[in-house]
Amino acid sequence: MSLTPFEIMRWEDKALPSLDFLVRMLEREGLQAVQSELPPKTHSPEIKFIQPVVRVVVSGKVQYSFPGYGVIELEPGDILEISPGVLHDVIVESHQPALVLEATRPA
């Protein structure tokens, strides 16, 4: 993890990754992912974590808002790693739910 509050890795292949592929990708890094569905038209309260958190979008579109850094939109296959102590919130603006994998990286 770098000194920036977050890192993004974009999925660049035209073929979307499967849930199984993304879970195995995280497992190869020694991460145990938890799957969650984010309801459509939702906006979470601001949160921060004490350990690095890795989030991977499986389906849908998810926006992450970082005060002072702006808003980023993630699509299927995109990976976001958030540094500890970084305040952010999560937004699903579409009418479709978003499926996200989340794993905590040991500090």
Protein backbone atom coordinates (compact mmCIF):
# COMPACT_ATOMS: atom_id res chain seq x y z
CA MET A 1 0.00 0.00 0.00
CA SER A 2 1.35 3.43 -0.87
CA LEU A 3 1.05 6.70 1.05
CA THR A 4 -2.11 7.67 -0.85
CA PRO A 5 -5.40 7.09 0.96
CA PHE A 6 -6.51 4.55 -1.64
CA GLU A 7 -5.35 2.64 -4.73
CA ILE A 8 -7.43 1.62 -7.73
CA MET A 9 -6.79 -1.19 -10.19
CA ARG A 10 -9.12 -1.06 -13.18
CA TRP A 11 -10.39 -4.16 -14.97
CA GLU A 12 -9.37 -3.60 -18.59
CA ASP A 13 -10.57 -6.76 -20.31
CA LYS A 14 -13.81 -6.49 -22.31
CA ALA A 15 -14.97 -9.81 -20.85
CA LEU A 16 -16.23 -9.29 -17.31
CA PRO A 17 -14.68 -11.43 -14.57
CA SER A 18 -16.76 -14.08 -12.83
CA LEU A 19 -17.43 -14.09 -9.10
CA ASP A 20 -15.38 -17.30 -8.81
CA PHE A 21 -12.40 -15.71 -10.60
CA LEU A 22 -12.46 -12.64 -8.32
CA VAL A 23 -12.72 -14.76 -5.15
CA ARG A 24 -9.77 -16.90 -6.28
CA MET A 25 -7.78 -13.77 -7.12
CA LEU A 26 -8.23 -12.48 -3.57
CA GLU A 27 -7.48 -15.90 -2.08
CA ARG A 28 -4.16 -16.00 -3.99
CA GLU A 29 -3.23 -12.86 -2.04
CA GLY A 30 -4.16 -14.61 1.21
CA LEU A 31 -7.40 -12.62 1.59
CA GLN A 32 -10.74 -14.05 2.69
CA ALA A 33 -13.54 -12.17 0.94
CA VAL A 34 -17.03 -11.50 2.22
CA GLN A 35 -19.71 -10.93 -0.39
CA SER A 36 -22.32 -8.20 0.08
CA GLU A 37 -25.10 -6.76 -2.01
CA LEU A 38 -25.48 -3.00 -1.89
CA PRO A 39 -29.08 -1.94 -2.49
CA PRO A 40 -29.90 0.46 -5.35
CA LYS A 41 -30.22 4.17 -4.64
CA THR A 42 -28.29 4.00 -1.35
CA HIS A 43 -25.70 6.20 0.31
CA SER A 44 -23.80 4.92 3.35
CA PRO A 45 -22.72 7.05 6.29
CA GLU A 46 -19.04 8.06 6.34
CA ILE A 47 -16.85 5.24 7.63
CA LYS A 48 -13.20 4.40 8.18
CA PHE A 49 -11.37 1.21 9.09
CA ILE A 50 -8.43 0.40 11.35
CA GLN A 51 -6.93 -2.04 8.79
CA PRO A 52 -6.49 -1.82 5.01
CA VAL A 53 -9.65 -2.92 3.21
CA VAL A 54 -9.81 -4.36 -0.32
CA ARG A 55 -13.08 -4.08 -2.23
CA VAL A 56 -13.81 -5.63 -5.61
CA VAL A 57 -16.93 -4.83 -7.63
CA VAL A 58 -18.49 -8.02 -9.00
CA SER A 59 -21.54 -6.43 -10.64
CA GLY A 60 -23.17 -3.02 -10.85
CA LYS A 61 -21.54 0.36 -10.37
CA VAL A 62 -20.38 1.76 -7.05
CA GLN A 63 -19.12 5.23 -6.19
CA TYR A 64 -16.72 5.88 -3.33
CA SER A 65 -16.48 9.42 -2.03
CA PHE A 66 -13.28 10.50 -0.26
CA PRO A 67 -13.46 13.94 1.40
CA GLY A 68 -10.69 16.07 -0.07
CA TYR A 69 -10.03 13.60 -2.90
CA GLY A 70 -13.34 13.47 -4.76
CA VAL A 71 -15.57 10.67 -5.99
CA ILE A 72 -14.48 7.61 -7.95
CA GLU A 73 -16.75 5.20 -9.78
CA LEU A 74 -15.97 1.51 -9.90
CA GLU A 75 -17.34 -1.04 -12.34
CA PRO A 76 -17.16 -4.86 -12.42
CA GLY A 77 -13.64 -6.16 -11.91
CA ASP A 78 -12.30 -2.89 -10.49
CA ILE A 79 -10.38 -3.22 -7.24
CA LEU A 80 -10.13 -0.53 -4.56
CA GLU A 81 -7.75 -0.76 -1.61
CA ILE A 82 -8.44 1.76 1.14
CA SER A 83 -5.76 2.66 3.68
CA PRO A 84 -6.55 2.52 7.41
CA GLY A 85 -8.15 5.60 8.92
CA VAL A 86 -9.39 7.02 5.59
CA LEU A 87 -12.86 8.53 5.82
CA HIS A 88 -15.15 7.59 2.92
CA ASP A 89 -18.71 6.75 2.00
CA VAL A 90 -20.30 4.43 -0.54
CA ILE A 91 -22.97 5.37 -3.10
CA VAL A 92 -25.05 3.19 -5.43
CA GLU A 93 -26.90 5.62 -7.68
CA SER A 94 -28.33 3.12 -10.17
CA HIS A 95 -31.65 1.32 -9.98
CA GLN A 96 -29.74 -1.97 -9.84
CA PRO A 97 -28.02 -3.41 -6.76
CA ALA A 98 -24.24 -3.79 -6.75
CA LEU A 99 -22.40 -6.93 -5.65
CA VAL A 100 -19.08 -6.30 -3.89
CA LEU A 101 -16.39 -8.50 -2.36
CA GLU A 102 -14.63 -7.11 0.71
CA ALA A 103 -11.53 -8.37 2.47
CA THR A 104 -9.43 -6.99 5.29
CA ARG A 105 -5.69 -6.99 4.73
CA PRO A 106 -3.53 -7.56 7.81
CA ALA A 107 -1.87 -4.28 8.85
